[in-house]
Amino acid sequence: MSDGIAWIGAHHHTPSSAVPGMLGGISLTLARGVETDEFLINLGADPDELAARTPYRELRAPAGQPGLPSPRLNRVMYGTCGAWTYVLEDWGMATWATGYQGKAESMLPCEGEEILCLTANRFSPPAQIIHAPGARAYRADFGTDTGQGSALDAALGAAGAVFPSMPETGEAEVVAYFEEHGERLPELVFTAVGAYTGVAIDQDVVEAGDLPGILIAPV
């Protein structure tokens, strides 16, 4: 059943499992104002693979050639909801986040587009929000907002996803708050992003791997 996208955050700490699709540790990238296939090609998707619309559960990484290292490719699941394209990844990061921060030209945000990325940052915590409502992107760790006074920031505040911070609150209070509420923080962040975007992604479909998938080399 679908519960917006809050369920993704609720399973933020769930280890990646052997389900045919995804469940735990999912990073989510949302984009609007750019055509779906164009956005995916900018991430590194192969146009022929995109055209095949292969279900994620049927994707197989190619075998390496004798004497050569096997290519590292991450499986990615994608779909659309309203005006948004969404990309789901459970390898520990979001491809767009790594590409944008590495200044990969194809992944730099543009005017007329909006990109909102929630990257798990498993290799370099904490998890982060990156919001590009145009050609400039703003970053925030989970538990904070972007500081732009945007509608996204308002949604994060309304969902309880902005936690107390120093120096506004003493260290002891901040630590106690995170210890009590930190486990739910990813769920609150995803709840806020769902409220801001109106995006809903069906959990059962994602777990089953029924959405189309592609293979993308990490940036």
Protein backbone atom coordinates (compact mmCIF):
# COMPACT_ATOMS: atom_id res chain seq x y z
CA MET A 1 0.00 0.00 0.00
CA SER A 2 1.12 3.58 -0.57
CA ASP A 3 1.79 6.00 2.26
CA GLY A 4 3.19 8.95 0.35
CA ILE A 5 6.93 8.60 0.73
CA ALA A 6 7.14 8.57 4.54
CA TRP A 7 7.67 4.80 4.43
CA ILE A 8 11.05 5.35 2.71
CA GLY A 9 12.26 7.35 5.69
CA ALA A 10 10.75 4.87 8.13
CA HIS A 11 13.04 2.21 6.60
CA HIS A 12 16.10 4.47 6.44
CA HIS A 13 17.93 2.31 9.00
CA THR A 14 16.68 -1.00 7.61
CA PRO A 15 19.54 -2.95 5.97
CA SER A 16 19.24 -3.53 2.24
CA SER A 17 17.40 -6.82 1.99
CA ALA A 18 16.97 -9.64 -0.48
CA VAL A 19 13.59 -8.41 -1.73
CA PRO A 20 13.37 -8.29 -5.53
CA GLY A 21 13.15 -4.50 -5.33
CA MET A 22 14.13 -2.08 -2.55
CA LEU A 23 13.12 -1.33 1.01
CA GLY A 24 15.92 -0.19 3.33
CA GLY A 25 18.33 2.71 3.03
CA ILE A 26 16.79 4.28 -0.06
CA SER A 27 18.04 7.60 -1.44
CA LEU A 28 15.47 9.60 -3.39
CA THR A 29 16.00 12.16 -6.14
CA LEU A 30 13.05 14.17 -7.50
CA ALA A 31 13.14 16.37 -10.59
CA ARG A 32 10.59 18.46 -12.45
CA GLY A 33 10.85 20.82 -15.40
CA VAL A 34 13.00 18.28 -17.27
CA GLU A 35 11.81 15.30 -19.33
CA THR A 36 12.21 11.96 -17.54
CA ASP A 37 14.49 10.23 -20.05
CA GLU A 38 16.63 13.35 -20.41
CA PHE A 39 17.14 13.53 -16.65
CA LEU A 40 18.05 9.84 -16.47
CA ILE A 41 20.49 10.14 -19.38
CA ASN A 42 22.08 13.07 -17.57
CA LEU A 43 22.56 10.71 -14.61
CA GLY A 44 24.36 8.28 -16.90
CA ALA A 45 21.61 5.99 -18.19
CA ASP A 46 22.07 4.23 -21.51
CA PRO A 47 19.38 5.38 -24.00
CA ASP A 48 18.83 1.86 -25.36
CA GLU A 49 18.41 0.48 -21.85
CA LEU A 50 15.93 3.23 -21.08
CA ALA A 51 13.93 2.40 -24.19
CA ALA A 52 13.67 -1.25 -23.07
CA ARG A 53 11.80 -0.28 -19.87
CA THR A 54 13.08 -3.43 -18.14
CA PRO A 55 11.49 -4.06 -14.73
CA TYR A 56 14.01 -3.45 -11.96
CA ARG A 57 13.72 -7.02 -10.65
CA GLU A 58 14.94 -8.34 -14.02
CA LEU A 59 18.05 -6.17 -14.27
CA ARG A 60 21.36 -8.00 -14.41
CA ALA A 61 24.76 -6.34 -14.29
CA PRO A 62 26.98 -7.41 -17.19
CA ALA A 63 29.75 -9.88 -16.43
CA GLY A 64 33.31 -8.59 -16.59
CA GLN A 65 35.65 -9.57 -19.41
CA PRO A 66 38.46 -12.07 -18.66
CA GLY A 67 41.51 -10.23 -17.36
CA LEU A 68 39.62 -6.97 -16.87
CA PRO A 69 37.89 -5.65 -13.74
CA SER A 70 34.13 -6.01 -13.72
CA PRO A 71 32.37 -2.70 -14.30
CA ARG A 72 30.70 -1.33 -11.18
CA LEU A 73 27.11 -0.51 -11.95
CA ASN A 74 24.37 0.41 -9.54
CA ARG A 75 20.76 -0.61 -10.10
CA VAL A 76 18.36 2.32 -10.11
CA MET A 77 14.57 2.32 -10.07
CA TYR A 78 12.52 5.20 -11.43
CA GLY A 79 9.02 6.44 -12.15
CA THR A 80 6.85 9.55 -12.30
CA CYS A 81 4.20 11.14 -10.10
CA GLY A 82 2.47 14.24 -11.33
CA ALA A 83 5.08 16.64 -12.69
CA TRP A 84 7.92 14.88 -10.86
CA THR A 85 10.35 12.20 -11.98
CA TYR A 86 11.65 10.13 -9.08
CA VAL A 87 14.78 8.02 -8.84
CA LEU A 88 15.29 5.42 -6.10
CA GLU A 89 18.70 3.97 -5.15
CA ASP A 90 19.77 1.79 -2.23
CA TRP A 91 23.55 1.52 -2.72
CA GLY A 92 24.23 4.15 -0.03
CA MET A 93 24.17 7.46 -1.91
CA ALA A 94 22.20 9.30 -4.60
CA THR A 95 23.89 9.46 -7.99
CA TRP A 96 22.69 13.00 -8.60
CA ALA A 97 24.12 14.17 -5.27
CA THR A 98 27.56 12.69 -5.96
CA GLY A 99 27.55 14.03 -9.53
CA TYR A 100 26.36 17.50 -8.60
CA GLN A 101 28.87 17.83 -5.79
CA GLY A 102 31.58 16.54 -8.11
CA LYS A 103 30.52 19.21 -10.62
CA ALA A 104 29.59 16.71 -13.35
CA GLU A 105 28.33 19.07 -16.04
CA SER A 106 25.29 16.99 -16.97
CA MET A 107 24.08 17.05 -13.35
CA LEU A 108 24.40 20.75 -12.58
CA PRO A 109 20.97 22.30 -11.85
CA CYS A 110 19.46 24.67 -14.41
CA GLU A 111 16.96 27.50 -14.37
CA GLY A 112 13.46 26.25 -15.11
CA GLU A 113 14.14 22.95 -13.36
CA GLU A 114 13.75 21.87 -9.75
CA ILE A 115 15.69 19.05 -8.16
CA LEU A 116 15.18 17.79 -4.62
CA CYS A 117 17.49 15.04 -3.42
CA LEU A 118 17.49 13.07 -0.17
CA THR A 119 20.78 11.18 -0.09
CA ALA A 120 21.40 8.56 2.59
CA ASN A 121 25.14 9.35 2.65
CA ARG A 122 25.95 5.94 4.11
CA PHE A 123 29.67 6.45 3.38
CA SER A 124 29.85 9.98 4.79
CA PRO A 125 27.02 10.65 7.27
CA PRO A 126 24.81 12.46 8.04
CA ALA A 127 22.07 12.08 5.46
CA GLN A 128 21.47 15.26 3.49
CA ILE A 129 18.81 17.26 1.70
CA ILE A 130 19.94 19.04 -1.46
CA HIS A 131 17.38 21.41 -2.98
CA ALA A 132 17.91 23.18 -6.29
CA PRO A 133 14.80 25.25 -7.08
CA GLY A 134 16.74 26.71 -10.02
CA ALA A 135 20.39 27.00 -11.00
CA ARG A 136 21.60 27.18 -7.39
CA ALA A 137 21.43 24.36 -4.88
CA TYR A 138 21.14 24.53 -1.09
CA ARG A 139 22.18 21.78 1.29
CA ALA A 140 20.97 20.82 4.74
CA ASP A 141 21.72 17.90 7.02
CA PHE A 142 18.72 15.89 8.16
CA GLY A 143 17.39 17.71 11.21
CA THR A 144 17.96 21.20 9.75
CA ASP A 145 16.47 23.24 6.92
CA THR A 146 18.14 25.05 4.02
CA GLY A 147 17.88 28.46 5.66
CA GLN A 148 16.14 29.95 2.62
CA GLY A 149 12.71 30.44 4.17
CA SER A 150 11.29 28.41 1.29
CA ALA A 151 8.09 26.38 1.08
CA LEU A 152 10.28 23.31 1.54
CA ASP A 153 11.72 24.75 4.75
CA ALA A 154 8.18 25.48 5.96
CA ALA A 155 7.19 21.87 5.24
CA LEU A 156 10.22 20.57 7.14
CA GLY A 157 9.28 22.72 10.13
CA ALA A 158 5.63 21.70 10.01
CA ALA A 159 6.58 18.00 9.96
CA GLY A 160 8.83 18.35 13.00
CA ALA A 161 11.91 17.58 10.87
CA VAL A 162 13.89 20.62 12.09
CA PHE A 163 15.51 19.67 15.37
CA PRO A 164 16.93 22.00 18.06
CA SER A 165 20.50 23.08 17.37
CA MET A 166 23.34 24.89 19.06
CA PRO A 167 23.81 27.72 19.92
CA GLU A 168 20.04 28.30 20.23
CA THR A 169 19.83 25.38 22.66
CA GLY A 170 22.46 24.01 25.00
CA GLU A 171 24.48 20.96 24.03
CA ALA A 172 22.88 18.73 26.65
CA GLU A 173 19.38 19.57 25.40
CA VAL A 174 20.34 18.95 21.77
CA VAL A 175 21.93 15.59 22.59
CA ALA A 176 18.92 14.53 24.68
CA TYR A 177 16.51 15.54 21.90
CA PHE A 178 18.40 13.57 19.26
CA GLU A 179 18.61 10.54 21.53
CA GLU A 180 14.84 10.63 22.07
CA HIS A 181 13.66 11.56 18.56
CA GLY A 182 16.58 10.88 16.20
CA GLU A 183 15.37 7.43 15.14
CA ARG A 184 12.28 9.01 13.55
CA LEU A 185 14.11 11.89 11.87
CA PRO A 186 14.37 10.32 8.37
CA GLU A 187 10.66 9.52 8.42
CA LEU A 188 9.87 13.13 9.35
CA VAL A 189 12.09 14.45 6.54
CA PHE A 190 10.43 12.22 3.95
CA THR A 191 7.02 13.18 5.32
CA ALA A 192 7.89 16.85 4.78
CA VAL A 193 9.16 16.28 1.25
CA GLY A 194 6.04 14.31 0.41
CA ALA A 195 3.89 17.18 1.68
CA TYR A 196 5.91 19.73 -0.30
CA THR A 197 5.94 17.80 -3.60
CA GLY A 198 2.71 15.80 -3.41
CA VAL A 199 4.69 12.75 -4.56
CA ALA A 200 3.45 9.30 -3.53
CA ILE A 201 5.36 6.10 -4.34
CA ASP A 202 3.76 2.73 -3.72
CA GLN A 203 5.79 0.69 -1.23
CA ASP A 204 4.56 -2.69 -2.47
CA VAL A 205 5.52 -1.89 -6.06
CA VAL A 206 9.00 -0.78 -4.99
CA GLU A 207 9.56 -3.85 -2.82
CA ALA A 208 8.48 -6.10 -5.70
CA GLY A 209 10.82 -4.34 -8.15
CA ASP A 210 7.97 -3.75 -10.59
CA LEU A 211 9.07 -0.26 -11.61
CA PRO A 212 11.43 0.15 -14.57
CA GLY A 213 15.12 0.07 -13.75
CA ILE A 214 18.46 1.01 -15.26
CA LEU A 215 22.13 0.46 -14.50
CA ILE A 216 24.24 3.54 -13.77
CA ALA A 217 27.97 3.74 -13.09
CA PRO A 218 28.77 5.68 -9.91
CA VAL A 219 30.22 9.15 -10.49
